Amino acid sequence: DLLLSNSCIPFLGSTEGLDFRTLLLDEERGRLLIGAKDHIFLLNLVDLNRNVKKIYWPAAKEKLEICKLAGKDAHTECANFIRVLQPYNRTHVYVCGTGAFHPLCGYIELG
């Protein structure tokens, strides 16, 4: 119904089924950060599909292999699922992912 009434703008930037996990809304700057499987997206709130910025952040290959050897599913469990998007200061966001059961965190400069 929303699509038919032109009441929404679907995000077309990801057709890969990336399993979106976490969101961070930055109303002041008009943008939305989305944490997904192996990716972080930065979207413009006015037009979600304009100037989409994407960071590819997979788990290390050796961590993926350890995950698979532990009996985990390679497609649904052995990835870097982004779980934390937290404002750190005016220019950076603190980000954490599962890292294929070896968590890792870092900072993203939004610039």
Protein backbone atom coordinates (compact mmCIF):
# COMPACT_ATOMS: atom_id res chain seq x y z
CA ASP A 1 0.00 0.00 0.00
CA LEU A 2 2.82 2.42 0.83
CA LEU A 3 4.47 1.89 -2.55
CA LEU A 4 1.20 2.30 -4.42
CA SER A 5 0.42 5.55 -2.62
CA ASN A 6 3.95 6.92 -3.14
CA SER A 7 4.25 7.30 0.64
CA CYS A 8 7.67 5.69 0.87
CA ILE A 9 10.97 5.46 -0.93
CA PRO A 10 12.39 1.93 -0.89
CA PHE A 11 16.15 1.52 -0.47
CA LEU A 12 17.35 -0.07 -3.70
CA GLY A 13 21.06 -0.13 -2.88
CA SER A 14 21.09 -3.67 -1.58
CA THR A 15 19.66 -6.55 -3.51
CA GLU A 16 22.08 -9.02 -1.95
CA GLY A 17 19.95 -9.80 1.12
CA LEU A 18 22.42 -8.36 3.58
CA ASP A 19 20.46 -9.03 6.76
CA PHE A 20 20.14 -5.52 8.20
CA ARG A 21 20.76 -5.51 11.96
CA THR A 22 21.14 -2.02 13.39
CA LEU A 23 20.30 1.59 12.54
CA LEU A 24 21.63 4.98 13.61
CA LEU A 25 19.58 8.03 12.70
CA ASP A 26 21.44 11.34 12.43
CA GLU A 27 18.57 13.83 12.03
CA GLU A 28 20.85 16.85 12.42
CA ARG A 29 22.79 15.96 9.26
CA GLY A 30 19.92 14.19 7.48
CA ARG A 31 21.46 10.75 7.21
CA LEU A 32 20.91 7.18 8.27
CA LEU A 33 23.57 4.56 9.01
CA ILE A 34 22.61 0.92 8.58
CA GLY A 35 24.61 -2.02 9.86
CA ALA A 36 24.23 -5.22 7.87
CA LYS A 37 26.03 -8.44 7.05
CA ASP A 38 29.62 -7.42 6.14
CA HIS A 39 28.49 -3.86 5.24
CA ILE A 40 27.78 -0.43 6.67
CA PHE A 41 25.62 1.93 4.63
CA LEU A 42 25.35 5.71 4.93
CA LEU A 43 22.12 7.00 3.37
CA ASN A 44 20.68 10.44 2.71
CA LEU A 45 17.29 10.82 4.43
CA VAL A 46 15.86 12.98 1.65
CA ASP A 47 16.58 10.34 -1.00
CA LEU A 48 17.77 6.97 0.29
CA ASN A 49 19.14 5.97 -3.11
CA ARG A 50 21.16 9.11 -3.86
CA ASN A 51 24.88 9.12 -3.07
CA VAL A 52 24.75 5.90 -1.06
CA LYS A 53 28.05 5.27 0.65
CA LYS A 54 28.94 1.70 1.50
CA ILE A 55 31.76 0.19 3.52
CA TYR A 56 32.54 -3.47 2.96
CA TRP A 57 33.84 -4.89 6.26
CA PRO A 58 33.96 -8.70 6.20
CA ALA A 59 35.41 -10.95 8.88
CA ALA A 60 39.01 -12.04 8.37
CA LYS A 61 39.37 -15.13 6.19
CA GLU A 62 41.06 -17.13 8.95
CA LYS A 63 38.17 -16.29 11.32
CA LEU A 64 35.69 -17.47 8.68
CA GLU A 65 37.53 -20.79 8.40
CA ILE A 66 37.59 -21.26 12.19
CA CYS A 67 33.87 -20.50 12.28
CA LYS A 68 33.14 -23.11 9.60
CA LEU A 69 35.33 -25.69 11.36
CA ALA A 70 33.31 -25.09 14.53
CA GLY A 71 30.24 -26.34 12.67
CA LYS A 72 28.59 -22.97 12.06
CA ASP A 73 26.69 -22.26 8.86
CA ALA A 74 28.98 -20.48 6.39
CA HIS A 75 26.17 -18.34 4.92
CA THR A 76 24.09 -17.40 7.95
CA GLU A 77 26.54 -17.37 10.88
CA CYS A 78 30.12 -16.94 9.63
CA ALA A 79 30.19 -13.27 8.69
CA ASN A 80 30.73 -9.87 10.27
CA PHE A 81 27.23 -8.86 11.31
CA ILE A 82 27.32 -5.19 12.34
CA ARG A 83 25.65 -4.96 15.76
CA VAL A 84 26.72 -1.57 17.17
CA LEU A 85 26.51 1.88 15.58
CA GLN A 86 27.05 4.47 18.28
CA PRO A 87 27.85 8.19 17.93
CA TYR A 88 31.32 8.86 19.33
CA ASN A 89 31.69 12.58 18.60
CA ARG A 90 30.64 15.00 15.85
CA THR A 91 32.90 13.36 13.26
CA HIS A 92 33.09 9.67 14.21
CA VAL A 93 30.84 6.69 14.85
CA TYR A 94 31.88 3.70 16.97
CA VAL A 95 31.12 0.43 15.15
CA CYS A 96 31.27 -3.19 16.27
CA GLY A 97 30.63 -6.41 14.39
CA THR A 98 30.55 -10.09 15.23
CA GLY A 99 33.61 -10.90 13.12
CA ALA A 100 32.53 -14.55 12.62
CA PHE A 101 32.42 -15.10 16.40
CA HIS A 102 35.58 -13.00 16.92
CA PRO A 103 34.14 -9.52 17.64
CA LEU A 104 35.89 -6.46 16.30
CA CYS A 105 35.26 -2.74 16.70
CA GLY A 106 36.47 0.45 15.12
CA TYR A 107 35.69 4.08 14.35
CA ILE A 108 34.28 5.48 11.14
CA GLU A 109 35.03 9.06 10.20
CA LEU A 110 31.87 10.47 8.66
CA GLY A 111 33.51 13.52 7.14
